[in-house]
């Protein structure tokens, strides 16, 4: 599934840029979901 590039929102799921604003790595939806799952597991509600 390839998404089209949107110049108004070039990194919809986050990514890495250099100091000049050039995109080095753009995260996919799956990569973002995996990262959020790790954060939620680490900082989830304590019972």
PDB file of N, CA and C in Angstrom:
ATOM      1  N   UNK A   1       0.845  -1.175   0.000  1.00  0.00           N
ATOM      2  CA  UNK A   1       0.000   0.000   0.000  1.00  0.00           C
ATOM      3  C   UNK A   1       0.888   1.235   0.000  1.00  0.00           C
ATOM      4  N   UNK A   2       0.921   1.948  -1.100  1.00  0.00           N
ATOM      5  CA  UNK A   2       1.740   3.141  -1.219  1.00  0.00           C
ATOM      6  C   UNK A   2       0.848   4.370  -1.137  1.00  0.00           C
ATOM      7  N   UNK A   3       1.208   5.260  -0.234  1.00  0.00           N
ATOM      8  CA  UNK A   3       0.451   6.488  -0.085  1.00  0.00           C
ATOM      9  C   UNK A   3       1.086   7.578  -0.933  1.00  0.00           C
ATOM     10  N   UNK A   4       0.266   8.484  -1.427  1.00  0.00           N
ATOM     11  CA  UNK A   4       0.789   9.590  -2.205  1.00  0.00           C
ATOM     12  C   UNK A   4       1.387  10.634  -1.276  1.00  0.00           C
ATOM     13  N   UNK A   5       2.434  11.297  -1.760  1.00  0.00           N
ATOM     14  CA  UNK A   5       3.098  12.335  -0.986  1.00  0.00           C
ATOM     15  C   UNK A   5       2.213  13.568  -0.914  1.00  0.00           C
ATOM     16  N   UNK A   6       2.030  14.096   0.278  1.00  0.00           N
ATOM     17  CA  UNK A   6       1.230  15.299   0.490  1.00  0.00           C
ATOM     18  C   UNK A   6       2.168  16.415   0.934  1.00  0.00           C
ATOM     19  N   UNK A   7       2.435  17.412   0.100  1.00  0.00           N
ATOM     20  CA  UNK A   7       3.370  18.472   0.474  1.00  0.00           C
ATOM     21  C   UNK A   7       2.904  19.300   1.675  1.00  0.00           C
ATOM     22  N   UNK A   8       1.602  19.322   1.957  1.00  0.00           N
ATOM     23  CA  UNK A   8       1.099  20.060   3.116  1.00  0.00           C
ATOM     24  C   UNK A   8       1.337  19.301   4.421  1.00  0.00           C
ATOM     25  N   UNK A   9       1.528  17.990   4.347  1.00  0.00           N
ATOM     26  CA  UNK A   9       1.770  17.150   5.513  1.00  0.00           C
ATOM     27  C   UNK A   9       2.766  16.061   5.116  1.00  0.00           C
ATOM     28  N   UNK A  10       4.049  16.417   4.975  1.00  0.00           N
ATOM     29  CA  UNK A  10       5.018  15.461   4.440  1.00  0.00           C
ATOM     30  C   UNK A  10       5.331  14.289   5.363  1.00  0.00           C
ATOM     31  N   UNK A  11       5.124  14.438   6.665  1.00  0.00           N
ATOM     32  CA  UNK A  11       5.404  13.356   7.609  1.00  0.00           C
ATOM     33  C   UNK A  11       4.163  13.095   8.470  1.00  0.00           C
ATOM     34  N   UNK A  12       3.119  12.506   7.892  1.00  0.00           N
ATOM     35  CA  UNK A  12       1.878  12.324   8.654  1.00  0.00           C
ATOM     36  C   UNK A  12       2.023  11.409   9.861  1.00  0.00           C
ATOM     37  N   UNK A  13       2.993  10.494   9.824  1.00  0.00           N
ATOM     38  CA  UNK A  13       3.179   9.565  10.935  1.00  0.00           C
ATOM     39  C   UNK A  13       4.504   9.806  11.640  1.00  0.00           C
ATOM     40  N   UNK A  14       5.135  10.928  11.391  1.00  0.00           N
ATOM     41  CA  UNK A  14       6.407  11.241  12.010  1.00  0.00           C
ATOM     42  C   UNK A  14       7.565  10.816  11.144  1.00  0.00           C
ATOM     43  N   UNK A  15       8.736  11.203  11.560  1.00  0.00           N
ATOM     44  CA  UNK A  15       9.917  10.843  10.800  1.00  0.00           C
ATOM     45  C   UNK A  15      11.140  11.548  11.337  1.00  0.00           C
ATOM     46  N   UNK A  16      12.210  11.477  10.570  1.00  0.00           N
ATOM     47  CA  UNK A  16      13.481  12.061  10.965  1.00  0.00           C
ATOM     48  C   UNK A  16      13.903  13.042   9.873  1.00  0.00           C
ATOM     49  N   UNK A  17      14.309  14.240  10.278  1.00  0.00           N
ATOM     50  CA  UNK A  17      14.828  15.224   9.337  1.00  0.00           C
ATOM     51  C   UNK A  17      16.218  15.654   9.775  1.00  0.00           C
ATOM     52  N   UNK A  18      16.998  16.175   8.825  1.00  0.00           N
ATOM     53  CA  UNK A  18      18.309  16.710   9.192  1.00  0.00           C
ATOM     54  C   UNK A  18      18.150  18.179   9.586  1.00  0.00           C
ATOM     55  N   UNK A  19      19.248  18.844   9.901  1.00  0.00           N
ATOM     56  CA  UNK A  19      19.161  20.226  10.393  1.00  0.00           C
ATOM     57  C   UNK A  19      18.710  21.206   9.312  1.00  0.00           C
ATOM     58  N   UNK A  20      18.680  20.765   8.072  1.00  0.00           N
ATOM     59  CA  UNK A  20      18.231  21.618   6.973  1.00  0.00           C
ATOM     60  C   UNK A  20      16.770  21.366   6.612  1.00  0.00           C
ATOM     61  N   UNK A  21      16.128  20.443   7.296  1.00  0.00           N
ATOM     62  CA  UNK A  21      14.729  20.137   7.040  1.00  0.00           C
ATOM     63  C   UNK A  21      14.503  19.090   5.973  1.00  0.00           C
ATOM     64  N   UNK A  22      15.568  18.472   5.486  1.00  0.00           N
ATOM     65  CA  UNK A  22      15.424  17.406   4.499  1.00  0.00           C
ATOM     66  C   UNK A  22      14.988  16.124   5.197  1.00  0.00           C
ATOM     67  N   UNK A  23      14.032  15.427   4.607  1.00  0.00           N
ATOM     68  CA  UNK A  23      13.513  14.201   5.195  1.00  0.00           C
ATOM     69  C   UNK A  23      14.542  13.087   5.034  1.00  0.00           C
ATOM     70  N   UNK A  24      14.948  12.504   6.162  1.00  0.00           N
ATOM     71  CA  UNK A  24      15.891  11.394   6.163  1.00  0.00           C
ATOM     72  C   UNK A  24      15.138  10.072   6.201  1.00  0.00           C
ATOM     73  N   UNK A  25      14.113   9.990   7.058  1.00  0.00           N
ATOM     74  CA  UNK A  25      13.311   8.766   7.200  1.00  0.00           C
ATOM     75  C   UNK A  25      11.889   9.169   7.522  1.00  0.00           C
ATOM     76  N   UNK A  26      10.949   8.642   6.784  1.00  0.00           N
ATOM     77  CA  UNK A  26       9.528   8.862   7.054  1.00  0.00           C
ATOM     78  C   UNK A  26       8.956   7.556   7.587  1.00  0.00           C
ATOM     79  N   UNK A  27       8.249   7.630   8.719  1.00  0.00           N
ATOM     80  CA  UNK A  27       7.668   6.442   9.312  1.00  0.00           C
ATOM     81  C   UNK A  27       6.360   6.084   8.616  1.00  0.00           C
ATOM     82  N   UNK A  28       6.108   4.789   8.516  1.00  0.00           N
ATOM     83  CA  UNK A  28       4.849   4.304   7.963  1.00  0.00           C
ATOM     84  C   UNK A  28       3.824   4.189   9.088  1.00  0.00           C
ATOM     85  N   UNK A  29       2.592   3.975   8.731  1.00  0.00           N
ATOM     86  CA  UNK A  29       1.518   3.799   9.715  1.00  0.00           C
ATOM     87  C   UNK A  29       1.828   2.615  10.627  1.00  0.00           C
ATOM     88  N   UNK A  30       2.358   1.534  10.063  1.00  0.00           N
ATOM     89  CA  UNK A  30       2.665   0.347  10.853  1.00  0.00           C
ATOM     90  C   UNK A  30       3.784   0.621  11.850  1.00  0.00           C
ATOM     91  N   UNK A  31       4.806   1.377  11.438  1.00  0.00           N
ATOM     92  CA  UNK A  31       5.909   1.710  12.339  1.00  0.00           C
ATOM     93  C   UNK A  31       5.426   2.600  13.480  1.00  0.00           C
ATOM     94  N   UNK A  32       4.541   3.552  13.156  1.00  0.00           N
ATOM     95  CA  UNK A  32       3.997   4.419  14.195  1.00  0.00           C
ATOM     96  C   UNK A  32       3.161   3.620  15.191  1.00  0.00           C
ATOM     97  N   UNK A  33       2.322   2.722  14.693  1.00  0.00           N
ATOM     98  CA  UNK A  33       1.481   1.902  15.572  1.00  0.00           C
ATOM     99  C   UNK A  33       2.333   1.042  16.502  1.00  0.00           C
ATOM    100  N   UNK A  34       3.416   0.472  15.982  1.00  0.00           N
ATOM    101  CA  UNK A  34       4.305  -0.360  16.801  1.00  0.00           C
ATOM    102  C   UNK A  34       4.979   0.470  17.887  1.00  0.00           C
ATOM    103  N   UNK A  35       5.428   1.673  17.546  1.00  0.00           N
ATOM    104  CA  UNK A  35       6.080   2.538  18.524  1.00  0.00           C
ATOM    105  C   UNK A  35       5.089   2.975  19.605  1.00  0.00           C
ATOM    106  N   UNK A  36       3.874   3.321  19.213  1.00  0.00           N
ATOM    107  CA  UNK A  36       2.859   3.728  20.190  1.00  0.00           C
ATOM    108  C   UNK A  36       2.489   2.570  21.114  1.00  0.00           C
ATOM    109  N   UNK A  37       2.444   1.363  20.582  1.00  0.00           N
ATOM    110  CA  UNK A  37       2.130   0.196  21.403  1.00  0.00           C
ATOM    111  C   UNK A  37       3.206  -0.009  22.467  1.00  0.00           C
ATOM    112  N   UNK A  38       4.470   0.192  22.107  1.00  0.00           N
ATOM    113  CA  UNK A  38       5.561   0.061  23.076  1.00  0.00           C
ATOM    114  C   UNK A  38       5.453   1.115  24.177  1.00  0.00           C
ATOM    115  N   UNK A  39       5.130   2.340  23.800  1.00  0.00           N
ATOM    116  CA  UNK A  39       5.000   3.412  24.784  1.00  0.00           C
ATOM    117  C   UNK A  39       3.825   3.151  25.706  1.00  0.00           C
ATOM    118  N   UNK A  40       2.704   2.739  25.129  1.00  0.00           N
ATOM    119  CA  UNK A  40       1.523   2.459  25.950  1.00  0.00           C
ATOM    120  C   UNK A  40       1.770   1.300  26.906  1.00  0.00           C
ATOM    121  N   UNK A  41       2.538   0.304  26.466  1.00  0.00           N
ATOM    122  CA  UNK A  41       2.852  -0.829  27.333  1.00  0.00           C
ATOM    123  C   UNK A  41       3.767  -0.382  28.472  1.00  0.00           C
ATOM    124  N   UNK A  42       4.734   0.475  28.154  1.00  0.00           N
ATOM    125  CA  UNK A  42       5.689   0.933  29.173  1.00  0.00           C
ATOM    126  C   UNK A  42       5.050   1.907  30.161  1.00  0.00           C
ATOM    127  N   UNK A  43       4.171   2.764  29.683  1.00  0.00           N
ATOM    128  CA  UNK A  43       3.600   3.796  30.528  1.00  0.00           C
ATOM    129  C   UNK A  43       2.095   3.659  30.718  1.00  0.00           C
ATOM    130  N   UNK A  44       1.608   2.449  30.581  1.00  0.00           N
ATOM    131  CA  UNK A  44       0.168   2.198  30.724  1.00  0.00           C
ATOM    132  C   UNK A  44      -0.310   2.445  32.142  1.00  0.00           C
ATOM    133  N   UNK A  45      -1.612   2.374  32.317  1.00  0.00           N
ATOM    134  CA  UNK A  45      -2.204   2.600  33.642  1.00  0.00           C
ATOM    135  C   UNK A  45      -1.733   1.529  34.620  1.00  0.00           C
ATOM    136  N   UNK A  46      -1.442   1.959  35.791  1.00  0.00           N
ATOM    137  CA  UNK A  46      -1.044   1.039  36.872  1.00  0.00           C
ATOM    138  C   UNK A  46      -2.300   0.660  37.637  1.00  0.00           C
ATOM    139  N   UNK A  47      -2.447  -0.617  37.960  1.00  0.00           N
ATOM    140  CA  UNK A  47      -3.656  -1.072  38.671  1.00  0.00           C
ATOM    141  C   UNK A  47      -3.474  -1.003  40.156  1.00  0.00           C
TER     142      UNK A  47
END
